[in-house]
């Protein structure tokens, strides 16, 4: 078993490659809501590091293409434009130099 915390594992995974919250939840056997909390914490932590940048490809409505969500580190339940619930998840990545 690893000695690292779940948030450290999330950080390490996002440095290696991009992932959605659902992918991280599956890999870490953790609820998606907990992963979103972890991602928010990791995003705040990386903003103070000189050698890292937290990147987000925001959620996007599959029906109309809307991607201007106020909080991209969140999973919207429906599109504010067309009211569709068919939303593609945000994708997260940490760019470490």
PDB file of N, CA and C in Angstrom:
ATOM      1  N   UNK A   1       0.835  -1.189   0.000  1.00  0.00           N
ATOM      2  CA  UNK A   1       0.000   0.000   0.000  1.00  0.00           C
ATOM      3  C   UNK A   1       0.875   1.244   0.000  1.00  0.00           C
ATOM      4  N   UNK A   2       0.453   2.233  -0.714  1.00  0.00           N
ATOM      5  CA  UNK A   2       1.223   3.457  -0.853  1.00  0.00           C
ATOM      6  C   UNK A   2       1.121   4.317   0.407  1.00  0.00           C
ATOM      7  N   UNK A   3       2.213   5.023   0.724  1.00  0.00           N
ATOM      8  CA  UNK A   3       2.217   5.917   1.871  1.00  0.00           C
ATOM      9  C   UNK A   3       1.692   7.306   1.519  1.00  0.00           C
ATOM     10  N   UNK A   4       1.453   7.569   0.251  1.00  0.00           N
ATOM     11  CA  UNK A   4       0.997   8.889  -0.151  1.00  0.00           C
ATOM     12  C   UNK A   4      -0.502   9.048   0.122  1.00  0.00           C
ATOM     13  N   UNK A   5      -0.911  10.308   0.316  1.00  0.00           N
ATOM     14  CA  UNK A   5      -2.323  10.589   0.551  1.00  0.00           C
ATOM     15  C   UNK A   5      -3.081  10.518  -0.771  1.00  0.00           C
ATOM     16  N   UNK A   6      -4.393  10.505  -0.686  1.00  0.00           N
ATOM     17  CA  UNK A   6      -5.217  10.469  -1.889  1.00  0.00           C
ATOM     18  C   UNK A   6      -4.956  11.711  -2.740  1.00  0.00           C
ATOM     19  N   UNK A   7      -4.849  12.872  -2.109  1.00  0.00           N
ATOM     20  CA  UNK A   7      -4.596  14.101  -2.867  1.00  0.00           C
ATOM     21  C   UNK A   7      -3.223  14.072  -3.538  1.00  0.00           C
ATOM     22  N   UNK A   8      -2.248  13.466  -2.890  1.00  0.00           N
ATOM     23  CA  UNK A   8      -0.926  13.313  -3.518  1.00  0.00           C
ATOM     24  C   UNK A   8      -1.028  12.376  -4.725  1.00  0.00           C
ATOM     25  N   UNK A   9      -1.840  11.333  -4.604  1.00  0.00           N
ATOM     26  CA  UNK A   9      -2.018  10.411  -5.729  1.00  0.00           C
ATOM     27  C   UNK A   9      -2.750  11.101  -6.880  1.00  0.00           C
ATOM     28  N   UNK A  10      -3.740  11.940  -6.555  1.00  0.00           N
ATOM     29  CA  UNK A  10      -4.436  12.717  -7.587  1.00  0.00           C
ATOM     30  C   UNK A  10      -3.437  13.637  -8.283  1.00  0.00           C
ATOM     31  N   UNK A  11      -2.626  14.338  -7.509  1.00  0.00           N
ATOM     32  CA  UNK A  11      -1.625  15.247  -8.072  1.00  0.00           C
ATOM     33  C   UNK A  11      -0.652  14.493  -8.973  1.00  0.00           C
ATOM     34  N   UNK A  12      -0.128  13.384  -8.493  1.00  0.00           N
ATOM     35  CA  UNK A  12       0.819  12.592  -9.280  1.00  0.00           C
ATOM     36  C   UNK A  12       0.197  12.122 -10.586  1.00  0.00           C
ATOM     37  N   UNK A  13      -1.043  11.677 -10.513  1.00  0.00           N
ATOM     38  CA  UNK A  13      -1.742  11.182 -11.712  1.00  0.00           C
ATOM     39  C   UNK A  13      -1.934  12.301 -12.722  1.00  0.00           C
ATOM     40  N   UNK A  14      -2.288  13.515 -12.243  1.00  0.00           N
ATOM     41  CA  UNK A  14      -2.519  14.628 -13.157  1.00  0.00           C
ATOM     42  C   UNK A  14      -1.218  15.186 -13.723  1.00  0.00           C
ATOM     43  N   UNK A  15      -0.109  14.967 -13.050  1.00  0.00           N
ATOM     44  CA  UNK A  15       1.187  15.344 -13.610  1.00  0.00           C
ATOM     45  C   UNK A  15       1.551  14.365 -14.727  1.00  0.00           C
ATOM     46  N   UNK A  16       1.232  13.091 -14.535  1.00  0.00           N
ATOM     47  CA  UNK A  16       1.538  12.058 -15.536  1.00  0.00           C
ATOM     48  C   UNK A  16       0.723  12.246 -16.808  1.00  0.00           C
ATOM     49  N   UNK A  17      -0.586  12.427 -16.649  1.00  0.00           N
ATOM     50  CA  UNK A  17      -1.476  12.521 -17.804  1.00  0.00           C
ATOM     51  C   UNK A  17      -2.787  13.174 -17.391  1.00  0.00           C
ATOM     52  N   UNK A  18      -3.539  13.621 -18.358  1.00  0.00           N
ATOM     53  CA  UNK A  18      -4.829  14.251 -18.075  1.00  0.00           C
ATOM     54  C   UNK A  18      -5.853  13.205 -17.644  1.00  0.00           C
ATOM     55  N   UNK A  19      -6.883  13.673 -16.915  1.00  0.00           N
ATOM     56  CA  UNK A  19      -7.935  12.766 -16.448  1.00  0.00           C
ATOM     57  C   UNK A  19      -9.182  13.553 -16.077  1.00  0.00           C
ATOM     58  N   UNK A  20     -10.317  12.869 -16.132  1.00  0.00           N
ATOM     59  CA  UNK A  20     -11.565  13.438 -15.633  1.00  0.00           C
ATOM     60  C   UNK A  20     -11.728  13.010 -14.174  1.00  0.00           C
ATOM     61  N   UNK A  21     -12.641  13.642 -13.479  1.00  0.00           N
ATOM     62  CA  UNK A  21     -12.911  13.268 -12.096  1.00  0.00           C
ATOM     63  C   UNK A  21     -13.427  11.834 -12.011  1.00  0.00           C
ATOM     64  N   UNK A  22     -14.229  11.415 -12.965  1.00  0.00           N
ATOM     65  CA  UNK A  22     -14.750  10.042 -12.956  1.00  0.00           C
ATOM     66  C   UNK A  22     -13.638   9.025 -13.122  1.00  0.00           C
ATOM     67  N   UNK A  23     -12.686   9.312 -13.994  1.00  0.00           N
ATOM     68  CA  UNK A  23     -11.554   8.403 -14.178  1.00  0.00           C
ATOM     69  C   UNK A  23     -10.737   8.284 -12.891  1.00  0.00           C
ATOM     70  N   UNK A  24     -10.486   9.428 -12.247  1.00  0.00           N
ATOM     71  CA  UNK A  24      -9.740   9.417 -10.985  1.00  0.00           C
ATOM     72  C   UNK A  24     -10.510   8.661  -9.909  1.00  0.00           C
ATOM     73  N   UNK A  25     -11.829   8.881  -9.851  1.00  0.00           N
ATOM     74  CA  UNK A  25     -12.657   8.199  -8.858  1.00  0.00           C
ATOM     75  C   UNK A  25     -12.593   6.688  -9.039  1.00  0.00           C
ATOM     76  N   UNK A  26     -12.653   6.225 -10.276  1.00  0.00           N
ATOM     77  CA  UNK A  26     -12.557   4.795 -10.551  1.00  0.00           C
ATOM     78  C   UNK A  26     -11.196   4.238 -10.136  1.00  0.00           C
ATOM     79  N   UNK A  27     -10.135   4.954 -10.500  1.00  0.00           N
ATOM     80  CA  UNK A  27      -8.779   4.485 -10.192  1.00  0.00           C
ATOM     81  C   UNK A  27      -8.505   4.439  -8.689  1.00  0.00           C
ATOM     82  N   UNK A  28      -9.057   5.410  -7.961  1.00  0.00           N
ATOM     83  CA  UNK A  28      -8.781   5.514  -6.528  1.00  0.00           C
ATOM     84  C   UNK A  28      -9.894   4.942  -5.661  1.00  0.00           C
ATOM     85  N   UNK A  29     -10.905   4.370  -6.284  1.00  0.00           N
ATOM     86  CA  UNK A  29     -12.048   3.787  -5.561  1.00  0.00           C
ATOM     87  C   UNK A  29     -12.603   4.773  -4.539  1.00  0.00           C
ATOM     88  N   UNK A  30     -12.897   5.969  -5.036  1.00  0.00           N
ATOM     89  CA  UNK A  30     -13.368   7.080  -4.207  1.00  0.00           C
ATOM     90  C   UNK A  30     -14.572   7.717  -4.904  1.00  0.00           C
ATOM     91  N   UNK A  31     -15.553   8.212  -4.152  1.00  0.00           N
ATOM     92  CA  UNK A  31     -16.699   8.879  -4.786  1.00  0.00           C
ATOM     93  C   UNK A  31     -16.265  10.101  -5.606  1.00  0.00           C
ATOM     94  N   UNK A  32     -16.957  10.344  -6.711  1.00  0.00           N
ATOM     95  CA  UNK A  32     -16.628  11.466  -7.583  1.00  0.00           C
ATOM     96  C   UNK A  32     -16.697  12.793  -6.823  1.00  0.00           C
ATOM     97  N   UNK A  33     -17.657  12.942  -5.929  1.00  0.00           N
ATOM     98  CA  UNK A  33     -17.777  14.199  -5.173  1.00  0.00           C
ATOM     99  C   UNK A  33     -16.532  14.463  -4.331  1.00  0.00           C
ATOM    100  N   UNK A  34     -15.953  13.420  -3.783  1.00  0.00           N
ATOM    101  CA  UNK A  34     -14.716  13.555  -3.002  1.00  0.00           C
ATOM    102  C   UNK A  34     -13.560  13.938  -3.910  1.00  0.00           C
ATOM    103  N   UNK A  35     -13.521  13.367  -5.096  1.00  0.00           N
ATOM    104  CA  UNK A  35     -12.462  13.695  -6.054  1.00  0.00           C
ATOM    105  C   UNK A  35     -12.558  15.166  -6.467  1.00  0.00           C
ATOM    106  N   UNK A  36     -13.766  15.681  -6.681  1.00  0.00           N
ATOM    107  CA  UNK A  36     -13.908  17.100  -7.026  1.00  0.00           C
ATOM    108  C   UNK A  36     -13.373  17.986  -5.903  1.00  0.00           C
ATOM    109  N   UNK A  37     -13.619  17.617  -4.651  1.00  0.00           N
ATOM    110  CA  UNK A  37     -13.068  18.358  -3.512  1.00  0.00           C
ATOM    111  C   UNK A  37     -11.543  18.298  -3.544  1.00  0.00           C
ATOM    112  N   UNK A  38     -11.003  17.123  -3.811  1.00  0.00           N
ATOM    113  CA  UNK A  38      -9.544  16.963  -3.908  1.00  0.00           C
ATOM    114  C   UNK A  38      -8.975  17.806  -5.049  1.00  0.00           C
ATOM    115  N   UNK A  39      -9.645  17.807  -6.194  1.00  0.00           N
ATOM    116  CA  UNK A  39      -9.173  18.574  -7.346  1.00  0.00           C
ATOM    117  C   UNK A  39      -9.167  20.063  -7.022  1.00  0.00           C
ATOM    118  N   UNK A  40     -10.189  20.553  -6.344  1.00  0.00           N
ATOM    119  CA  UNK A  40     -10.218  21.968  -5.954  1.00  0.00           C
ATOM    120  C   UNK A  40      -9.037  22.297  -5.049  1.00  0.00           C
ATOM    121  N   UNK A  41      -8.730  21.420  -4.117  1.00  0.00           N
ATOM    122  CA  UNK A  41      -7.600  21.625  -3.219  1.00  0.00           C
ATOM    123  C   UNK A  41      -6.281  21.598  -3.990  1.00  0.00           C
ATOM    124  N   UNK A  42      -6.126  20.641  -4.878  1.00  0.00           N
ATOM    125  CA  UNK A  42      -4.908  20.525  -5.677  1.00  0.00           C
ATOM    126  C   UNK A  42      -4.733  21.768  -6.556  1.00  0.00           C
ATOM    127  N   UNK A  43      -5.819  22.260  -7.135  1.00  0.00           N
ATOM    128  CA  UNK A  43      -5.746  23.465  -7.979  1.00  0.00           C
ATOM    129  C   UNK A  43      -5.274  24.658  -7.164  1.00  0.00           C
ATOM    130  N   UNK A  44      -5.791  24.826  -5.955  1.00  0.00           N
ATOM    131  CA  UNK A  44      -5.342  25.930  -5.085  1.00  0.00           C
ATOM    132  C   UNK A  44      -3.880  25.763  -4.707  1.00  0.00           C
ATOM    133  N   UNK A  45      -3.479  24.553  -4.409  1.00  0.00           N
ATOM    134  CA  UNK A  45      -2.094  24.289  -3.999  1.00  0.00           C
ATOM    135  C   UNK A  45      -1.108  24.570  -5.128  1.00  0.00           C
ATOM    136  N   UNK A  46      -1.469  24.197  -6.343  1.00  0.00           N
ATOM    137  CA  UNK A  46      -0.533  24.368  -7.458  1.00  0.00           C
ATOM    138  C   UNK A  46      -0.422  25.818  -7.912  1.00  0.00           C
ATOM    139  N   UNK A  47      -1.390  26.658  -7.583  1.00  0.00           N
ATOM    140  CA  UNK A  47      -1.308  28.051  -8.028  1.00  0.00           C
ATOM    141  C   UNK A  47      -0.157  28.790  -7.350  1.00  0.00           C
ATOM    142  N   UNK A  48       0.334  28.287  -6.227  1.00  0.00           N
ATOM    143  CA  UNK A  48       1.431  28.943  -5.512  1.00  0.00           C
ATOM    144  C   UNK A  48       2.792  28.344  -5.857  1.00  0.00           C
ATOM    145  N   UNK A  49       2.808  27.294  -6.642  1.00  0.00           N
ATOM    146  CA  UNK A  49       4.071  26.668  -7.032  1.00  0.00           C
ATOM    147  C   UNK A  49       4.559  27.315  -8.329  1.00  0.00           C
ATOM    148  N   UNK A  50       5.833  27.687  -8.348  1.00  0.00           N
ATOM    149  CA  UNK A  50       6.394  28.356  -9.523  1.00  0.00           C
ATOM    150  C   UNK A  50       6.539  27.430 -10.726  1.00  0.00           C
ATOM    151  N   UNK A  51       6.701  26.155 -10.482  1.00  0.00           N
ATOM    152  CA  UNK A  51       7.016  25.231 -11.566  1.00  0.00           C
ATOM    153  C   UNK A  51       5.836  24.385 -12.031  1.00  0.00           C
ATOM    154  N   UNK A  52       4.612  24.722 -11.603  1.00  0.00           N
ATOM    155  CA  UNK A  52       3.443  23.955 -12.028  1.00  0.00           C
ATOM    156  C   UNK A  52       2.310  24.877 -12.459  1.00  0.00           C
ATOM    157  N   UNK A  53       1.473  24.346 -13.337  1.00  0.00           N
ATOM    158  CA  UNK A  53       0.287  25.066 -13.771  1.00  0.00           C
ATOM    159  C   UNK A  53      -0.866  24.069 -13.841  1.00  0.00           C
ATOM    160  N   UNK A  54      -1.965  24.401 -13.206  1.00  0.00           N
ATOM    161  CA  UNK A  54      -3.151  23.547 -13.218  1.00  0.00           C
ATOM    162  C   UNK A  54      -3.988  23.912 -14.433  1.00  0.00           C
ATOM    163  N   UNK A  55      -4.212  22.961 -15.311  1.00  0.00           N
ATOM    164  CA  UNK A  55      -4.946  23.197 -16.553  1.00  0.00           C
ATOM    165  C   UNK A  55      -6.294  22.494 -16.524  1.00  0.00           C
ATOM    166  N   UNK A  56      -7.307  23.157 -17.094  1.00  0.00           N
ATOM    167  CA  UNK A  56      -8.651  22.588 -17.142  1.00  0.00           C
ATOM    168  C   UNK A  56      -9.233  22.782 -18.531  1.00  0.00           C
ATOM    169  N   UNK A  57      -9.668  21.690 -19.140  1.00  0.00           N
ATOM    170  CA  UNK A  57     -10.512  21.760 -20.330  1.00  0.00           C
ATOM    171  C   UNK A  57     -11.933  21.703 -19.769  1.00  0.00           C
ATOM    172  N   UNK A  58     -12.676  22.808 -19.829  1.00  0.00           N
ATOM    173  CA  UNK A  58     -13.964  22.884 -19.127  1.00  0.00           C
ATOM    174  C   UNK A  58     -14.991  21.878 -19.637  1.00  0.00           C
ATOM    175  N   UNK A  59     -16.011  21.628 -18.801  1.00  0.00           N
ATOM    176  CA  UNK A  59     -17.095  20.749 -19.266  1.00  0.00           C
ATOM    177  C   UNK A  59     -17.731  21.365 -20.508  1.00  0.00           C
ATOM    178  N   UNK A  60     -18.297  20.511 -21.341  1.00  0.00           N
ATOM    179  CA  UNK A  60     -18.913  21.002 -22.572  1.00  0.00           C
ATOM    180  C   UNK A  60     -20.215  20.259 -22.832  1.00  0.00           C
ATOM    181  N   UNK A  61     -21.229  21.021 -23.218  1.00  0.00           N
ATOM    182  CA  UNK A  61     -22.516  20.421 -23.582  1.00  0.00           C
ATOM    183  C   UNK A  61     -22.350  19.693 -24.910  1.00  0.00           C
ATOM    184  N   UNK A  62     -22.718  18.445 -24.933  1.00  0.00           N
ATOM    185  CA  UNK A  62     -22.588  17.654 -26.153  1.00  0.00           C
ATOM    186  C   UNK A  62     -23.618  18.083 -27.190  1.00  0.00           C
ATOM    187  N   UNK A  63     -24.769  18.600 -26.737  1.00  0.00           N
ATOM    188  CA  UNK A  63     -25.834  18.988 -27.666  1.00  0.00           C
ATOM    189  C   UNK A  63     -25.559  20.316 -28.367  1.00  0.00           C
ATOM    190  N   UNK A  64     -25.169  21.365 -27.595  1.00  0.00           N
ATOM    191  CA  UNK A  64     -25.025  22.684 -28.215  1.00  0.00           C
ATOM    192  C   UNK A  64     -23.590  23.217 -28.185  1.00  0.00           C
ATOM    193  N   UNK A  65     -22.679  22.548 -27.478  1.00  0.00           N
ATOM    194  CA  UNK A  65     -21.285  22.967 -27.463  1.00  0.00           C
ATOM    195  C   UNK A  65     -20.942  24.014 -26.418  1.00  0.00           C
ATOM    196  N   UNK A  66     -21.890  24.405 -25.572  1.00  0.00           N
ATOM    197  CA  UNK A  66     -21.621  25.423 -24.549  1.00  0.00           C
ATOM    198  C   UNK A  66     -20.514  24.953 -23.614  1.00  0.00           C
ATOM    199  N   UNK A  67     -19.530  25.835 -23.348  1.00  0.00           N
ATOM    200  CA  UNK A  67     -18.437  25.485 -22.441  1.00  0.00           C
ATOM    201  C   UNK A  67     -18.057  26.638 -21.514  1.00  0.00           C
ATOM    202  N   UNK A  68     -18.910  27.643 -21.394  1.00  0.00           N
ATOM    203  CA  UNK A  68     -18.609  28.824 -20.591  1.00  0.00           C
ATOM    204  C   UNK A  68     -19.105  28.732 -19.160  1.00  0.00           C
ATOM    205  N   UNK A  69     -18.893  27.593 -18.533  1.00  0.00           N
ATOM    206  CA  UNK A  69     -19.364  27.409 -17.160  1.00  0.00           C
ATOM    207  C   UNK A  69     -18.566  28.282 -16.201  1.00  0.00           C
ATOM    208  N   UNK A  70     -19.241  28.825 -15.183  1.00  0.00           N
ATOM    209  CA  UNK A  70     -18.614  29.711 -14.207  1.00  0.00           C
ATOM    210  C   UNK A  70     -17.504  29.007 -13.431  1.00  0.00           C
ATOM    211  N   UNK A  71     -17.715  27.753 -13.065  1.00  0.00           N
ATOM    212  CA  UNK A  71     -16.754  27.001 -12.272  1.00  0.00           C
ATOM    213  C   UNK A  71     -16.383  25.735 -13.030  1.00  0.00           C
ATOM    214  N   UNK A  72     -15.262  25.760 -13.768  1.00  0.00           N
ATOM    215  CA  UNK A  72     -14.907  24.578 -14.548  1.00  0.00           C
ATOM    216  C   UNK A  72     -14.478  23.392 -13.688  1.00  0.00           C
ATOM    217  N   UNK A  73     -14.188  23.624 -12.399  1.00  0.00           N
ATOM    218  CA  UNK A  73     -13.834  22.511 -11.510  1.00  0.00           C
ATOM    219  C   UNK A  73     -15.093  22.087 -10.772  1.00  0.00           C
ATOM    220  N   UNK A  74     -16.070  21.713 -11.542  1.00  0.00           N
ATOM    221  CA  UNK A  74     -17.346  21.278 -11.004  1.00  0.00           C
ATOM    222  C   UNK A  74     -18.046  20.513 -12.121  1.00  0.00           C
ATOM    223  N   UNK A  75     -18.959  19.648 -11.757  1.00  0.00           N
ATOM    224  CA  UNK A  75     -19.696  18.929 -12.786  1.00  0.00           C
ATOM    225  C   UNK A  75     -21.114  19.476 -12.843  1.00  0.00           C
ATOM    226  N   UNK A  76     -21.433  20.240 -13.892  1.00  0.00           N
ATOM    227  CA  UNK A  76     -22.780  20.811 -13.992  1.00  0.00           C
ATOM    228  C   UNK A  76     -23.822  19.730 -14.268  1.00  0.00           C
ATOM    229  N   UNK A  77     -25.003  19.932 -13.724  1.00  0.00           N
ATOM    230  CA  UNK A  77     -26.055  18.933 -13.927  1.00  0.00           C
ATOM    231  C   UNK A  77     -26.755  19.117 -15.266  1.00  0.00           C
ATOM    232  N   UNK A  78     -26.767  20.367 -15.765  1.00  0.00           N
ATOM    233  CA  UNK A  78     -27.370  20.601 -17.071  1.00  0.00           C
ATOM    234  C   UNK A  78     -26.805  21.865 -17.704  1.00  0.00           C
ATOM    235  N   UNK A  79     -26.987  21.974 -18.981  1.00  0.00           N
ATOM    236  CA  UNK A  79     -26.485  23.111 -19.745  1.00  0.00           C
ATOM    237  C   UNK A  79     -27.386  24.326 -19.510  1.00  0.00           C
ATOM    238  N   UNK A  80     -26.800  25.499 -19.212  1.00  0.00           N
ATOM    239  CA  UNK A  80     -27.621  26.688 -19.017  1.00  0.00           C
ATOM    240  C   UNK A  80     -28.211  27.231 -20.327  1.00  0.00           C
ATOM    241  N   UNK A  81     -27.657  26.824 -21.448  1.00  0.00           N
ATOM    242  CA  UNK A  81     -28.141  27.302 -22.742  1.00  0.00           C
ATOM    243  C   UNK A  81     -29.313  26.483 -23.260  1.00  0.00           C
ATOM    244  N   UNK A  82     -29.131  25.156 -23.368  1.00  0.00           N
ATOM    245  CA  UNK A  82     -30.163  24.316 -23.985  1.00  0.00           C
ATOM    246  C   UNK A  82     -30.855  23.380 -22.984  1.00  0.00           C
ATOM    247  N   UNK A  83     -30.427  23.415 -21.726  1.00  0.00           N
ATOM    248  CA  UNK A  83     -31.000  22.626 -20.625  1.00  0.00           C
ATOM    249  C   UNK A  83     -30.738  21.119 -20.747  1.00  0.00           C
ATOM    250  N   UNK A  84     -29.875  20.730 -21.651  1.00  0.00           N
ATOM    251  CA  UNK A  84     -29.537  19.327 -21.818  1.00  0.00           C
ATOM    252  C   UNK A  84     -28.742  18.832 -20.609  1.00  0.00           C
ATOM    253  N   UNK A  85     -28.912  17.576 -20.271  1.00  0.00           N
ATOM    254  CA  UNK A  85     -28.127  16.956 -19.207  1.00  0.00           C
ATOM    255  C   UNK A  85     -26.974  16.138 -19.786  1.00  0.00           C
ATOM    256  N   UNK A  86     -26.769  16.260 -21.081  1.00  0.00           N
ATOM    257  CA  UNK A  86     -25.732  15.516 -21.785  1.00  0.00           C
ATOM    258  C   UNK A  86     -24.442  16.356 -21.801  1.00  0.00           C
ATOM    259  N   UNK A  87     -23.716  16.329 -20.681  1.00  0.00           N
ATOM    260  CA  UNK A  87     -22.535  17.169 -20.486  1.00  0.00           C
ATOM    261  C   UNK A  87     -21.277  16.306 -20.455  1.00  0.00           C
ATOM    262  N   UNK A  88     -20.294  16.712 -21.235  1.00  0.00           N
ATOM    263  CA  UNK A  88     -18.994  16.040 -21.218  1.00  0.00           C
ATOM    264  C   UNK A  88     -18.191  16.600 -20.048  1.00  0.00           C
ATOM    265  N   UNK A  89     -17.573  15.727 -19.273  1.00  0.00           N
ATOM    266  CA  UNK A  89     -16.835  16.141 -18.079  1.00  0.00           C
ATOM    267  C   UNK A  89     -15.618  17.000 -18.403  1.00  0.00           C
ATOM    268  N   UNK A  90     -15.246  17.832 -17.444  1.00  0.00           N
ATOM    269  CA  UNK A  90     -14.011  18.594 -17.546  1.00  0.00           C
ATOM    270  C   UNK A  90     -12.826  17.627 -17.495  1.00  0.00           C
ATOM    271  N   UNK A  91     -11.742  18.035 -18.137  1.00  0.00           N
ATOM    272  CA  UNK A  91     -10.514  17.235 -18.129  1.00  0.00           C
ATOM    273  C   UNK A  91      -9.441  18.071 -17.436  1.00  0.00           C
ATOM    274  N   UNK A  92      -8.722  17.451 -16.508  1.00  0.00           N
ATOM    275  CA  UNK A  92      -7.722  18.147 -15.682  1.00  0.00           C
ATOM    276  C   UNK A  92      -6.325  17.635 -15.995  1.00  0.00           C
ATOM    277  N   UNK A  93      -5.351  18.538 -15.851  1.00  0.00           N
ATOM    278  CA  UNK A  93      -3.948  18.184 -16.079  1.00  0.00           C
ATOM    279  C   UNK A  93      -3.076  19.171 -15.307  1.00  0.00           C
ATOM    280  N   UNK A  94      -1.970  18.681 -14.770  1.00  0.00           N
ATOM    281  CA  UNK A  94      -0.998  19.562 -14.133  1.00  0.00           C
ATOM    282  C   UNK A  94       0.237  19.575 -15.012  1.00  0.00           C
ATOM    283  N   UNK A  95       0.588  20.758 -15.475  1.00  0.00           N
ATOM    284  CA  UNK A  95       1.778  20.929 -16.284  1.00  0.00           C
ATOM    285  C   UNK A  95       2.926  21.282 -15.351  1.00  0.00           C
ATOM    286  N   UNK A  96       3.826  20.350 -15.150  1.00  0.00           N
ATOM    287  CA  UNK A  96       4.963  20.552 -14.255  1.00  0.00           C
ATOM    288  C   UNK A  96       6.241  20.681 -15.073  1.00  0.00           C
ATOM    289  N   UNK A  97       6.989  21.729 -14.821  1.00  0.00           N
ATOM    290  CA  UNK A  97       8.239  21.961 -15.561  1.00  0.00           C
ATOM    291  C   UNK A  97       9.383  21.218 -14.939  1.00  0.00           C
TER     292      UNK A  97
END
